[in-house]
Amino acid sequence: MSRVYKNMFAQKLILASQSPRRAQLLKLVGFDFDIIPSFVDEDEIQEIDPPHHVKSLSLAKAKSVAVNIDKGIIIGADTIVVLNGEILGKPEDKAEAKKMLRRLAGQTHQVYTGFTLLEKPTNRKISDYEITHVHFRVLSDWEIDRYVATQNPMDKAGAYGIQDQSAVFADRIEGCFYNVVGFPLSKFYTAMMEFVSQRPHTKKLR
């Protein structure tokens, strides 16, 4: 086992998110971590460029948790759905959820997830993002109504979660599937490997 690999899993990790999906994905690859939710007001980020939006918000989430952490690596993340250049956030009610799904039906949209690694006490940080293209088949009104009735769309960007009943809506996915779930596992893992490998060594005092 390489030194970098050992150091990566030896670091104390804090996930700045209350998303059960992100927690499940981190556990999937063997990370041990604490969860400290970030309560950043997502509406404060007005950046309309999708990559900048998700990276800015992931950094803001990591920073909001880092103020109370003495040592460790804080992970911030944010996911958005973009249709024809417009960012679709979380629906405010069932009517808006249905409207979003009708717009996505028969179209290709993009899912962006940004993530930030912020180390304390060094304050080293990196931010990056992943993009996945998702095509929805044409949807019937009754399919949309049935899905919205489950309440699942209400806490998700674009009013759907690919890991639940809406999995049958997508007939083509180009890119990282886990990015659509909410966390680009492969890209995050390689970024973490590089981040830990660049950690400065502490010199012994004589």
N, C-alpha and C. Protein backbone atom coordinates (compact mmCIF):
# COMPACT_ATOMS: atom_id res chain seq x y z
N MET A 1 0.85 -1.20 0.00
CA MET A 1 0.00 0.00 0.00
C MET A 1 0.88 1.25 0.00
N SER A 2 0.60 2.19 -0.89
CA SER A 2 1.44 3.38 -1.02
C SER A 2 1.27 4.31 0.17
N ARG A 3 2.30 5.15 0.40
CA ARG A 3 2.24 6.12 1.50
C ARG A 3 1.09 7.10 1.28
N VAL A 4 0.89 7.53 0.03
CA VAL A 4 -0.19 8.48 -0.28
C VAL A 4 -1.54 7.88 0.09
N TYR A 5 -1.72 6.59 -0.26
CA TYR A 5 -2.99 5.92 0.02
C TYR A 5 -3.23 5.84 1.53
N LYS A 6 -2.17 5.49 2.27
CA LYS A 6 -2.29 5.42 3.73
C LYS A 6 -2.62 6.78 4.32
N ASN A 7 -1.92 7.82 3.84
CA ASN A 7 -2.16 9.16 4.36
C ASN A 7 -3.57 9.65 4.05
N MET A 8 -4.08 9.28 2.88
CA MET A 8 -5.40 9.73 2.48
C MET A 8 -6.46 9.19 3.43
N PHE A 9 -6.36 7.92 3.78
CA PHE A 9 -7.37 7.33 4.64
C PHE A 9 -7.10 7.60 6.12
N ALA A 10 -5.89 8.08 6.43
CA ALA A 10 -5.56 8.40 7.82
C ALA A 10 -6.05 9.79 8.20
N GLN A 11 -6.28 10.65 7.21
CA GLN A 11 -6.73 12.01 7.47
C GLN A 11 -8.15 12.00 8.03
N LYS A 12 -8.40 12.90 8.98
CA LYS A 12 -9.76 13.07 9.48
C LYS A 12 -10.56 13.81 8.41
N LEU A 13 -11.66 13.23 7.97
CA LEU A 13 -12.49 13.83 6.94
C LEU A 13 -13.81 14.29 7.53
N ILE A 14 -14.28 15.45 7.07
CA ILE A 14 -15.58 15.98 7.49
C ILE A 14 -16.38 16.30 6.24
N LEU A 15 -17.52 15.70 6.11
CA LEU A 15 -18.41 15.98 4.98
C LEU A 15 -19.35 17.11 5.37
N ALA A 16 -19.23 18.23 4.66
CA ALA A 16 -20.05 19.41 4.96
C ALA A 16 -21.36 19.33 4.20
N SER A 17 -22.10 18.27 4.42
CA SER A 17 -23.35 18.05 3.70
C SER A 17 -24.25 17.12 4.49
N GLN A 18 -25.55 17.37 4.42
CA GLN A 18 -26.50 16.46 5.04
C GLN A 18 -27.16 15.55 4.01
N SER A 19 -26.58 15.51 2.80
CA SER A 19 -27.11 14.66 1.74
C SER A 19 -26.79 13.19 2.02
N PRO A 20 -27.80 12.35 2.20
CA PRO A 20 -27.53 10.93 2.42
C PRO A 20 -26.89 10.27 1.21
N ARG A 21 -27.14 10.81 0.04
CA ARG A 21 -26.56 10.23 -1.17
C ARG A 21 -25.05 10.42 -1.20
N ARG A 22 -24.57 11.60 -0.84
CA ARG A 22 -23.12 11.83 -0.83
C ARG A 22 -22.46 10.98 0.24
N ALA A 23 -23.11 10.85 1.38
CA ALA A 23 -22.55 10.01 2.44
C ALA A 23 -22.44 8.56 1.98
N GLN A 24 -23.45 8.06 1.31
CA GLN A 24 -23.43 6.69 0.82
C GLN A 24 -22.31 6.47 -0.20
N LEU A 25 -22.09 7.45 -1.07
CA LEU A 25 -21.07 7.31 -2.09
C LEU A 25 -19.66 7.34 -1.48
N LEU A 26 -19.44 8.20 -0.49
CA LEU A 26 -18.13 8.22 0.17
C LEU A 26 -17.86 6.91 0.90
N LYS A 27 -18.90 6.35 1.52
CA LYS A 27 -18.74 5.07 2.20
C LYS A 27 -18.46 3.95 1.19
N LEU A 28 -19.00 4.11 0.00
CA LEU A 28 -18.84 3.10 -1.04
C LEU A 28 -17.37 2.87 -1.37
N VAL A 29 -16.57 3.93 -1.34
CA VAL A 29 -15.15 3.79 -1.68
C VAL A 29 -14.27 3.66 -0.44
N GLY A 30 -14.88 3.51 0.73
CA GLY A 30 -14.12 3.17 1.92
C GLY A 30 -13.69 4.31 2.80
N PHE A 31 -14.19 5.52 2.57
CA PHE A 31 -13.80 6.64 3.41
C PHE A 31 -14.54 6.60 4.75
N ASP A 32 -13.82 6.95 5.80
CA ASP A 32 -14.41 7.11 7.12
C ASP A 32 -14.48 8.61 7.40
N PHE A 33 -15.62 9.12 7.78
CA PHE A 33 -15.77 10.56 7.90
C PHE A 33 -16.87 10.92 8.90
N ASP A 34 -16.79 12.15 9.36
CA ASP A 34 -17.85 12.73 10.18
C ASP A 34 -18.72 13.61 9.29
N ILE A 35 -19.93 13.82 9.71
CA ILE A 35 -20.85 14.68 8.97
C ILE A 35 -21.17 15.92 9.80
N ILE A 36 -20.87 17.08 9.25
CA ILE A 36 -21.25 18.35 9.86
C ILE A 36 -21.94 19.16 8.77
N PRO A 37 -23.26 19.20 8.76
CA PRO A 37 -23.98 19.89 7.68
C PRO A 37 -23.63 21.37 7.59
N SER A 38 -23.56 21.85 6.37
CA SER A 38 -23.38 23.27 6.12
C SER A 38 -24.75 23.89 5.85
N PHE A 39 -24.97 25.05 6.42
CA PHE A 39 -26.25 25.71 6.24
C PHE A 39 -26.10 27.02 5.47
N VAL A 40 -25.24 26.98 4.47
CA VAL A 40 -25.04 28.14 3.61
C VAL A 40 -26.31 28.42 2.81
N ASP A 41 -26.66 29.68 2.69
CA ASP A 41 -27.80 30.08 1.87
C ASP A 41 -27.39 30.00 0.41
N GLU A 42 -27.89 28.99 -0.29
CA GLU A 42 -27.47 28.77 -1.67
C GLU A 42 -27.88 29.92 -2.59
N ASP A 43 -28.88 30.68 -2.21
CA ASP A 43 -29.32 31.80 -3.03
C ASP A 43 -28.31 32.96 -3.02
N GLU A 44 -27.35 32.91 -2.07
CA GLU A 44 -26.36 33.98 -2.01
C GLU A 44 -25.37 33.89 -3.16
N ILE A 45 -25.24 32.71 -3.76
CA ILE A 45 -24.34 32.54 -4.89
C ILE A 45 -25.10 32.88 -6.16
N GLN A 46 -24.77 34.01 -6.76
CA GLN A 46 -25.49 34.49 -7.94
C GLN A 46 -24.75 34.19 -9.23
N GLU A 47 -23.62 33.49 -9.14
CA GLU A 47 -22.82 33.16 -10.32
C GLU A 47 -23.66 32.32 -11.29
N ILE A 48 -23.80 32.78 -12.54
CA ILE A 48 -24.64 32.07 -13.49
C ILE A 48 -23.86 31.07 -14.34
N ASP A 49 -22.52 31.19 -14.36
CA ASP A 49 -21.72 30.21 -15.09
C ASP A 49 -21.71 28.91 -14.29
N PRO A 50 -22.23 27.81 -14.83
CA PRO A 50 -22.39 26.57 -14.05
C PRO A 50 -21.13 26.09 -13.34
N PRO A 51 -19.96 25.97 -14.01
CA PRO A 51 -18.77 25.51 -13.29
C PRO A 51 -18.40 26.42 -12.12
N HIS A 52 -18.44 27.73 -12.36
CA HIS A 52 -18.11 28.67 -11.29
C HIS A 52 -19.14 28.60 -10.17
N HIS A 53 -20.39 28.40 -10.54
CA HIS A 53 -21.47 28.33 -9.54
C HIS A 53 -21.24 27.18 -8.57
N VAL A 54 -21.03 25.99 -9.11
CA VAL A 54 -20.90 24.82 -8.23
C VAL A 54 -19.59 24.85 -7.44
N LYS A 55 -18.51 25.37 -8.04
CA LYS A 55 -17.26 25.45 -7.31
C LYS A 55 -17.34 26.50 -6.20
N SER A 56 -17.97 27.63 -6.50
CA SER A 56 -18.10 28.70 -5.50
C SER A 56 -18.94 28.24 -4.32
N LEU A 57 -20.02 27.53 -4.62
CA LEU A 57 -20.91 27.08 -3.55
C LEU A 57 -20.28 25.95 -2.74
N SER A 58 -19.56 25.06 -3.40
CA SER A 58 -18.89 23.98 -2.65
C SER A 58 -17.83 24.56 -1.72
N LEU A 59 -17.14 25.60 -2.18
CA LEU A 59 -16.13 26.26 -1.33
C LEU A 59 -16.79 26.97 -0.16
N ALA A 60 -17.90 27.64 -0.42
CA ALA A 60 -18.62 28.34 0.66
C ALA A 60 -19.09 27.35 1.72
N LYS A 61 -19.56 26.20 1.30
CA LYS A 61 -20.02 25.18 2.26
C LYS A 61 -18.86 24.66 3.09
N ALA A 62 -17.73 24.39 2.44
CA ALA A 62 -16.56 23.89 3.16
C ALA A 62 -16.07 24.92 4.17
N LYS A 63 -16.01 26.19 3.76
CA LYS A 63 -15.54 27.25 4.64
C LYS A 63 -16.44 27.44 5.85
N SER A 64 -17.75 27.30 5.64
CA SER A 64 -18.68 27.53 6.74
C SER A 64 -18.51 26.49 7.85
N VAL A 65 -18.09 25.28 7.47
CA VAL A 65 -17.85 24.23 8.46
C VAL A 65 -16.44 24.33 9.02
N ALA A 66 -15.49 24.75 8.19
CA ALA A 66 -14.08 24.79 8.58
C ALA A 66 -13.81 25.73 9.74
N VAL A 67 -14.64 26.74 9.94
CA VAL A 67 -14.39 27.71 11.01
C VAL A 67 -14.42 27.05 12.39
N ASN A 68 -15.07 25.89 12.49
CA ASN A 68 -15.17 25.20 13.77
C ASN A 68 -14.31 23.94 13.83
N ILE A 69 -13.41 23.77 12.85
CA ILE A 69 -12.56 22.59 12.78
C ILE A 69 -11.10 23.00 12.97
N ASP A 70 -10.41 22.31 13.89
CA ASP A 70 -9.00 22.60 14.14
C ASP A 70 -8.08 21.84 13.18
N LYS A 71 -8.44 20.59 12.89
CA LYS A 71 -7.57 19.77 12.06
C LYS A 71 -8.41 18.78 11.27
N GLY A 72 -8.09 18.66 10.00
CA GLY A 72 -8.80 17.70 9.16
C GLY A 72 -9.02 18.26 7.76
N ILE A 73 -9.69 17.48 6.93
CA ILE A 73 -10.04 17.90 5.58
C ILE A 73 -11.55 17.98 5.47
N ILE A 74 -12.04 19.14 5.11
CA ILE A 74 -13.48 19.36 4.96
C ILE A 74 -13.84 19.22 3.49
N ILE A 75 -14.92 18.49 3.24
CA ILE A 75 -15.39 18.25 1.87
C ILE A 75 -16.70 19.00 1.66
N GLY A 76 -16.69 19.93 0.74
CA GLY A 76 -17.92 20.63 0.36
C GLY A 76 -18.32 20.23 -1.04
N ALA A 77 -19.61 20.21 -1.32
CA ALA A 77 -20.08 19.80 -2.65
C ALA A 77 -21.40 20.47 -2.98
N ASP A 78 -21.64 20.63 -4.27
CA ASP A 78 -22.92 21.19 -4.73
C ASP A 78 -23.24 20.65 -6.11
N THR A 79 -24.51 20.33 -6.33
CA THR A 79 -24.96 19.77 -7.61
C THR A 79 -26.08 20.63 -8.19
N ILE A 80 -25.99 20.90 -9.49
CA ILE A 80 -27.05 21.64 -10.17
C ILE A 80 -27.41 20.94 -11.48
N VAL A 81 -28.61 21.23 -11.95
CA VAL A 81 -29.08 20.75 -13.25
C VAL A 81 -29.20 21.95 -14.17
N VAL A 82 -28.69 21.83 -15.39
CA VAL A 82 -28.70 22.94 -16.34
C VAL A 82 -29.39 22.51 -17.63
N LEU A 83 -30.38 23.26 -18.03
CA LEU A 83 -31.11 22.99 -19.27
C LEU A 83 -31.02 24.21 -20.18
N ASN A 84 -30.42 24.02 -21.34
CA ASN A 84 -30.26 25.11 -22.31
C ASN A 84 -29.63 26.35 -21.68
N GLY A 85 -28.63 26.11 -20.81
CA GLY A 85 -27.90 27.20 -20.18
C GLY A 85 -28.54 27.77 -18.94
N GLU A 86 -29.72 27.30 -18.58
CA GLU A 86 -30.42 27.81 -17.38
C GLU A 86 -30.27 26.84 -16.22
N ILE A 87 -29.87 27.37 -15.07
CA ILE A 87 -29.73 26.54 -13.87
C ILE A 87 -31.09 26.27 -13.26
N LEU A 88 -31.41 25.00 -13.07
CA LEU A 88 -32.65 24.60 -12.42
C LEU A 88 -32.34 24.19 -10.98
N GLY A 89 -32.86 24.91 -10.04
CA GLY A 89 -32.61 24.60 -8.64
C GLY A 89 -33.61 23.58 -8.10
N LYS A 90 -33.78 23.59 -6.80
CA LYS A 90 -34.75 22.70 -6.18
C LYS A 90 -36.15 23.32 -6.29
N PRO A 91 -37.15 22.53 -6.61
CA PRO A 91 -38.51 23.10 -6.76
C PRO A 91 -39.06 23.58 -5.43
N GLU A 92 -39.81 24.66 -5.49
CA GLU A 92 -40.40 25.21 -4.27
C GLU A 92 -41.67 24.46 -3.87
N ASP A 93 -42.35 23.87 -4.84
CA ASP A 93 -43.57 23.13 -4.55
C ASP A 93 -43.81 22.09 -5.63
N LYS A 94 -44.89 21.32 -5.51
CA LYS A 94 -45.17 20.25 -6.46
C LYS A 94 -45.43 20.79 -7.86
N ALA A 95 -46.08 21.93 -7.95
CA ALA A 95 -46.39 22.51 -9.25
C ALA A 95 -45.10 22.86 -10.00
N GLU A 96 -44.12 23.42 -9.27
CA GLU A 96 -42.86 23.76 -9.92
C GLU A 96 -42.08 22.50 -10.29
N ALA A 97 -42.18 21.47 -9.46
CA ALA A 97 -41.51 20.20 -9.76
C ALA A 97 -42.05 19.61 -11.06
N LYS A 98 -43.35 19.62 -11.23
CA LYS A 98 -43.96 19.11 -12.45
C LYS A 98 -43.54 19.93 -13.67
N LYS A 99 -43.46 21.24 -13.48
CA LYS A 99 -43.06 22.13 -14.58
C LYS A 99 -41.63 21.82 -15.01
N MET A 100 -40.74 21.61 -14.04
CA MET A 100 -39.35 21.30 -14.36
C MET A 100 -39.25 19.99 -15.13
N LEU A 101 -39.96 18.97 -14.67
CA LEU A 101 -39.89 17.66 -15.32
C LEU A 101 -40.46 17.70 -16.73
N ARG A 102 -41.49 18.50 -16.94
CA ARG A 102 -42.04 18.64 -18.30
C ARG A 102 -41.01 19.30 -19.22
N ARG A 103 -40.25 20.23 -18.67
CA ARG A 103 -39.22 20.89 -19.47
C ARG A 103 -38.07 19.93 -19.80
N LEU A 104 -37.73 19.07 -18.87
CA LEU A 104 -36.63 18.13 -19.07
C LEU A 104 -37.01 16.99 -20.01
N ALA A 105 -38.32 16.68 -20.08
CA ALA A 105 -38.78 15.55 -20.89
C ALA A 105 -38.40 15.72 -22.36
N GLY A 106 -37.80 14.67 -22.94
CA GLY A 106 -37.42 14.69 -24.34
C GLY A 106 -36.21 15.53 -24.66
N GLN A 107 -35.51 16.02 -23.64
CA GLN A 107 -34.37 16.91 -23.82
C GLN A 107 -33.10 16.33 -23.19
N THR A 108 -31.97 16.88 -23.59
CA THR A 108 -30.69 16.56 -22.95
C THR A 108 -30.32 17.73 -22.05
N HIS A 109 -30.04 17.42 -20.80
CA HIS A 109 -29.59 18.45 -19.87
C HIS A 109 -28.24 18.05 -19.28
N GLN A 110 -27.64 18.98 -18.56
CA GLN A 110 -26.34 18.74 -17.95
C GLN A 110 -26.45 18.76 -16.43
N VAL A 111 -25.71 17.87 -15.80
CA VAL A 111 -25.61 17.86 -14.35
C VAL A 111 -24.18 18.23 -13.98
N TYR A 112 -24.03 19.29 -13.19
CA TYR A 112 -22.73 19.72 -12.71
C TYR A 112 -22.64 19.47 -11.22
N THR A 113 -21.54 18.90 -10.79
CA THR A 113 -21.25 18.81 -9.37
C THR A 113 -19.88 19.39 -9.11
N GLY A 114 -19.83 20.37 -8.22
CA GLY A 114 -18.56 20.94 -7.80
C GLY A 114 -18.19 20.41 -6.44
N PHE A 115 -16.90 20.27 -6.19
CA PHE A 115 -16.45 19.83 -4.86
C PHE A 115 -15.22 20.61 -4.45
N THR A 116 -15.06 20.76 -3.15
CA THR A 116 -13.91 21.45 -2.57
C THR A 116 -13.30 20.61 -1.47
N LEU A 117 -11.98 20.57 -1.44
CA LEU A 117 -11.24 19.99 -0.33
C LEU A 117 -10.53 21.13 0.38
N LEU A 118 -10.81 21.29 1.67
CA LEU A 118 -10.22 22.37 2.46
C LEU A 118 -9.57 21.77 3.70
N GLU A 119 -8.26 21.94 3.80
CA GLU A 119 -7.50 21.34 4.91
C GLU A 119 -7.28 22.35 6.03
N LYS A 120 -7.49 21.92 7.25
CA LYS A 120 -7.15 22.71 8.43
C LYS A 120 -6.05 21.99 9.19
N PRO A 121 -5.08 22.69 9.76
CA PRO A 121 -5.02 24.15 9.89
C PRO A 121 -4.28 24.86 8.76
N THR A 122 -3.83 24.14 7.73
CA THR A 122 -3.01 24.76 6.69
C THR A 122 -3.80 25.70 5.78
N ASN A 123 -5.13 25.47 5.70
CA ASN A 123 -6.01 26.22 4.80
C ASN A 123 -5.71 25.96 3.32
N ARG A 124 -4.96 24.89 3.03
CA ARG A 124 -4.81 24.49 1.62
C ARG A 124 -6.18 24.09 1.10
N LYS A 125 -6.43 24.36 -0.18
CA LYS A 125 -7.72 24.00 -0.74
C LYS A 125 -7.63 23.80 -2.24
N ILE A 126 -8.52 22.97 -2.74
CA ILE A 126 -8.70 22.83 -4.18
C ILE A 126 -10.20 22.71 -4.45
N SER A 127 -10.61 23.17 -5.62
CA SER A 127 -12.00 23.03 -6.05
C SER A 127 -12.00 22.55 -7.50
N ASP A 128 -12.95 21.69 -7.81
CA ASP A 128 -13.06 21.18 -9.16
C ASP A 128 -14.52 20.81 -9.41
N TYR A 129 -14.82 20.37 -10.63
CA TYR A 129 -16.19 20.00 -10.94
C TYR A 129 -16.22 18.90 -12.00
N GLU A 130 -17.37 18.28 -12.13
CA GLU A 130 -17.60 17.28 -13.16
C GLU A 130 -18.92 17.60 -13.85
N ILE A 131 -19.03 17.21 -15.13
CA ILE A 131 -20.26 17.43 -15.88
C ILE A 131 -20.69 16.12 -16.53
N THR A 132 -21.98 15.85 -16.47
CA THR A 132 -22.56 14.67 -17.10
C THR A 132 -23.78 15.10 -17.92
N HIS A 133 -23.90 14.53 -19.11
CA HIS A 133 -25.03 14.84 -19.98
C HIS A 133 -26.08 13.74 -19.82
N VAL A 134 -27.31 14.16 -19.55
CA VAL A 134 -28.42 13.22 -19.30
C VAL A 134 -29.56 13.51 -20.27
N HIS A 135 -30.03 12.48 -20.96
CA HIS A 135 -31.17 12.65 -21.86
C HIS A 135 -32.39 11.96 -21.27
N PHE A 136 -33.49 12.71 -21.17
CA PHE A 136 -34.77 12.16 -20.72
C PHE A 136 -35.61 11.78 -21.94
N ARG A 137 -36.24 10.63 -21.87
CA ARG A 137 -37.20 10.27 -22.90
C ARG A 137 -38.45 11.14 -22.73
N VAL A 138 -39.34 11.09 -23.68
CA VAL A 138 -40.62 11.82 -23.57
C VAL A 138 -41.42 11.21 -22.42
N LEU A 139 -41.93 12.07 -21.55
CA LEU A 139 -42.66 11.61 -20.37
C LEU A 139 -44.15 11.93 -20.48
N SER A 140 -44.97 11.02 -20.00
CA SER A 140 -46.41 11.26 -19.93
C SER A 140 -46.73 12.05 -18.67
N ASP A 141 -47.83 12.79 -18.71
CA ASP A 141 -48.24 13.57 -17.53
C ASP A 141 -48.47 12.68 -16.32
N TRP A 142 -49.05 11.50 -16.56
CA TRP A 142 -49.33 10.63 -15.42
C TRP A 142 -48.04 10.11 -14.78
N GLU A 143 -46.97 9.93 -15.57
CA GLU A 143 -45.70 9.51 -15.01
C GLU A 143 -45.12 10.60 -14.12
N ILE A 144 -45.21 11.82 -14.61
CA ILE A 144 -44.71 12.96 -13.83
C ILE A 144 -45.52 13.12 -12.55
N ASP A 145 -46.84 13.05 -12.67
CA ASP A 145 -47.71 13.20 -11.49
C ASP A 145 -47.43 12.13 -10.45
N ARG A 146 -47.24 10.89 -10.91
CA ARG A 146 -46.99 9.79 -9.98
C ARG A 146 -45.66 9.98 -9.26
N TYR A 147 -44.65 10.44 -10.01
CA TYR A 147 -43.34 10.63 -9.39
C TYR A 147 -43.35 11.78 -8.39
N VAL A 148 -43.97 12.89 -8.77
CA VAL A 148 -44.01 14.04 -7.86
C VAL A 148 -44.79 13.69 -6.59
N ALA A 149 -45.77 12.82 -6.68
CA ALA A 149 -46.56 12.42 -5.52
C ALA A 149 -45.72 11.69 -4.47
N THR A 150 -44.56 11.16 -4.87
CA THR A 150 -43.68 10.47 -3.92
C THR A 150 -42.93 11.44 -3.02
N GLN A 151 -42.93 12.72 -3.36
CA GLN A 151 -42.20 13.78 -2.64
C GLN A 151 -40.70 13.74 -2.90
N ASN A 152 -40.21 12.75 -3.61
CA ASN A 152 -38.78 12.63 -3.87
C ASN A 152 -38.17 13.83 -4.60
N PRO A 153 -38.90 14.48 -5.51
CA PRO A 153 -38.27 15.59 -6.26
C PRO A 153 -38.03 16.85 -5.43
N MET A 154 -38.65 16.96 -4.27
CA MET A 154 -38.71 18.25 -3.59
C MET A 154 -37.37 18.75 -3.04
N ASP A 155 -36.42 17.86 -2.78
CA ASP A 155 -35.13 18.31 -2.24
C ASP A 155 -33.99 18.10 -3.22
N LYS A 156 -34.33 18.02 -4.51
CA LYS A 156 -33.32 17.71 -5.50
C LYS A 156 -33.30 18.75 -6.63
N ALA A 157 -32.11 19.11 -7.05
CA ALA A 157 -31.96 20.02 -8.17
C ALA A 157 -32.55 19.41 -9.43
N GLY A 158 -33.33 20.20 -10.15
CA GLY A 158 -33.98 19.69 -11.36
C GLY A 158 -35.18 18.82 -11.10
N ALA A 159 -35.54 18.65 -9.83
CA ALA A 159 -36.75 17.91 -9.42
C ALA A 159 -36.68 16.42 -9.71
N TYR A 160 -35.48 15.85 -9.68
CA TYR A 160 -35.40 14.39 -9.82
C TYR A 160 -34.11 13.87 -9.21
N GLY A 161 -34.14 12.58 -8.85
CA GLY A 161 -32.96 11.89 -8.35
C GLY A 161 -32.79 10.61 -9.12
N ILE A 162 -31.69 10.49 -9.85
CA ILE A 162 -31.50 9.36 -10.75
C ILE A 162 -31.48 8.02 -10.02
N GLN A 163 -31.27 8.05 -8.69
CA GLN A 163 -31.18 6.83 -7.92
C GLN A 163 -32.56 6.36 -7.41
N ASP A 164 -33.62 7.12 -7.69
CA ASP A 164 -34.94 6.68 -7.24
C ASP A 164 -35.82 6.33 -8.44
N GLN A 165 -37.14 6.48 -8.29
CA GLN A 165 -38.06 6.06 -9.35
C GLN A 165 -37.82 6.77 -10.68
N SER A 166 -37.22 7.94 -10.64
CA SER A 166 -36.98 8.68 -11.89
C SER A 166 -35.87 8.06 -12.73
N ALA A 167 -35.27 6.99 -12.26
CA ALA A 167 -34.25 6.29 -13.05
C ALA A 167 -34.80 5.87 -14.41
N VAL A 168 -36.10 5.62 -14.49
CA VAL A 168 -36.69 5.18 -15.76
C VAL A 168 -36.93 6.35 -16.71
N PHE A 169 -36.70 7.58 -16.25
CA PHE A 169 -36.87 8.74 -17.13
C PHE A 169 -35.68 8.91 -18.07
N ALA A 170 -34.49 8.54 -17.61
CA ALA A 170 -33.27 8.77 -18.38
C ALA A 170 -32.97 7.57 -19.27
N ASP A 171 -32.91 7.80 -20.57
CA ASP A 171 -32.59 6.69 -21.48
C ASP A 171 -31.16 6.76 -21.99
N ARG A 172 -30.46 7.88 -21.75
CA ARG A 172 -29.06 8.00 -22.13
C ARG A 172 -28.31 8.86 -21.13
N ILE A 173 -27.12 8.40 -20.75
CA ILE A 173 -26.26 9.16 -19.85
C ILE A 173 -24.85 9.15 -20.42
N GLU A 174 -24.28 10.32 -20.59
CA GLU A 174 -22.91 10.43 -21.10
C GLU A 174 -22.04 11.07 -20.03
N GLY A 175 -21.16 10.27 -19.46
CA GLY A 175 -20.29 10.76 -18.39
C GLY A 175 -20.48 9.96 -17.12
N CYS A 176 -20.03 10.54 -16.01
CA CYS A 176 -20.04 9.86 -14.72
C CYS A 176 -21.46 9.73 -14.16
N PHE A 177 -21.92 8.49 -13.96
CA PHE A 177 -23.25 8.26 -13.39
C PHE A 177 -23.34 8.80 -11.97
N TYR A 178 -22.29 8.57 -11.18
CA TYR A 178 -22.33 8.99 -9.77
C TYR A 178 -22.40 10.51 -9.64
N ASN A 179 -21.93 11.21 -10.65
CA ASN A 179 -22.05 12.66 -10.66
C ASN A 179 -23.51 13.09 -10.66
N VAL A 180 -24.35 12.33 -11.35
CA VAL A 180 -25.78 12.64 -11.40
C VAL A 180 -26.43 12.35 -10.04
N VAL A 181 -25.92 11.33 -9.35
CA VAL A 181 -26.42 11.01 -8.01
C VAL A 181 -26.07 12.14 -7.04
N GLY A 182 -24.91 12.79 -7.27
CA GLY A 182 -24.54 13.91 -6.42
C GLY A 182 -23.09 14.02 -6.05
N PHE A 183 -22.25 13.07 -6.56
CA PHE A 183 -20.84 13.15 -6.23
C PHE A 183 -20.01 12.39 -7.26
N PRO A 184 -19.09 13.06 -7.96
CA PRO A 184 -18.29 12.40 -9.00
C PRO A 184 -17.15 11.59 -8.37
N LEU A 185 -17.43 10.35 -8.04
CA LEU A 185 -16.52 9.55 -7.23
C LEU A 185 -15.11 9.45 -7.80
N SER A 186 -14.98 9.08 -9.07
CA SER A 186 -13.66 8.87 -9.64
C SER A 186 -12.84 10.16 -9.63
N LYS A 187 -13.44 11.26 -10.05
CA LYS A 187 -12.71 12.53 -10.10
C LYS A 187 -12.35 13.00 -8.70
N PHE A 188 -13.27 12.83 -7.75
CA PHE A 188 -13.00 13.22 -6.38
C PHE A 188 -11.85 12.39 -5.80
N TYR A 189 -11.88 11.08 -6.05
CA TYR A 189 -10.86 10.19 -5.51
C TYR A 189 -9.47 10.56 -6.02
N THR A 190 -9.34 10.81 -7.32
CA THR A 190 -8.04 11.17 -7.86
C THR A 190 -7.59 12.55 -7.37
N ALA A 191 -8.55 13.46 -7.18
CA ALA A 191 -8.22 14.78 -6.64
C ALA A 191 -7.74 14.65 -5.20
N MET A 192 -8.37 13.78 -4.43
CA MET A 192 -7.96 13.56 -3.04
C MET A 192 -6.55 12.96 -2.98
N MET A 193 -6.27 12.01 -3.88
CA MET A 193 -4.93 11.40 -3.92
C MET A 193 -3.87 12.48 -4.18
N GLU A 194 -4.13 13.34 -5.13
CA GLU A 194 -3.17 14.40 -5.46
C GLU A 194 -3.06 15.41 -4.33
N PHE A 195 -4.18 15.75 -3.72
CA PHE A 195 -4.20 16.73 -2.64
C PHE A 195 -3.38 16.24 -1.45
N VAL A 196 -3.55 14.99 -1.08
CA VAL A 196 -2.82 14.42 0.05
C VAL A 196 -1.33 14.27 -0.28
N SER A 197 -1.02 13.92 -1.52
CA SER A 197 0.39 13.73 -1.91
C SER A 197 1.17 15.03 -1.87
N GLN A 198 0.46 16.15 -2.03
CA GLN A 198 1.12 17.46 -2.02
C GLN A 198 1.17 18.09 -0.63
N ARG A 199 0.71 17.34 0.36
CA ARG A 199 0.72 17.87 1.72
C ARG A 199 2.14 18.08 2.19
N PRO A 200 2.48 19.30 2.66
CA PRO A 200 3.85 19.56 3.11
C PRO A 200 4.21 18.74 4.33
N HIS A 201 5.44 18.24 4.37
CA HIS A 201 5.89 17.47 5.52
C HIS A 201 6.26 18.40 6.67
N THR A 202 5.93 17.99 7.85
CA THR A 202 6.27 18.77 9.03
C THR A 202 7.70 18.44 9.47
N LYS A 203 8.55 19.45 9.57
CA LYS A 203 9.93 19.23 9.97
C LYS A 203 10.03 19.03 11.47
N LYS A 204 10.87 18.10 11.87
CA LYS A 204 11.09 17.86 13.31
C LYS A 204 11.95 18.96 13.92
N LEU A 205 11.58 19.37 15.12
CA LEU A 205 12.34 20.40 15.81
C LEU A 205 13.56 19.78 16.48
N ARG A 206 14.66 20.46 16.44
CA ARG A 206 15.88 19.96 17.07
C ARG A 206 16.14 20.69 18.38
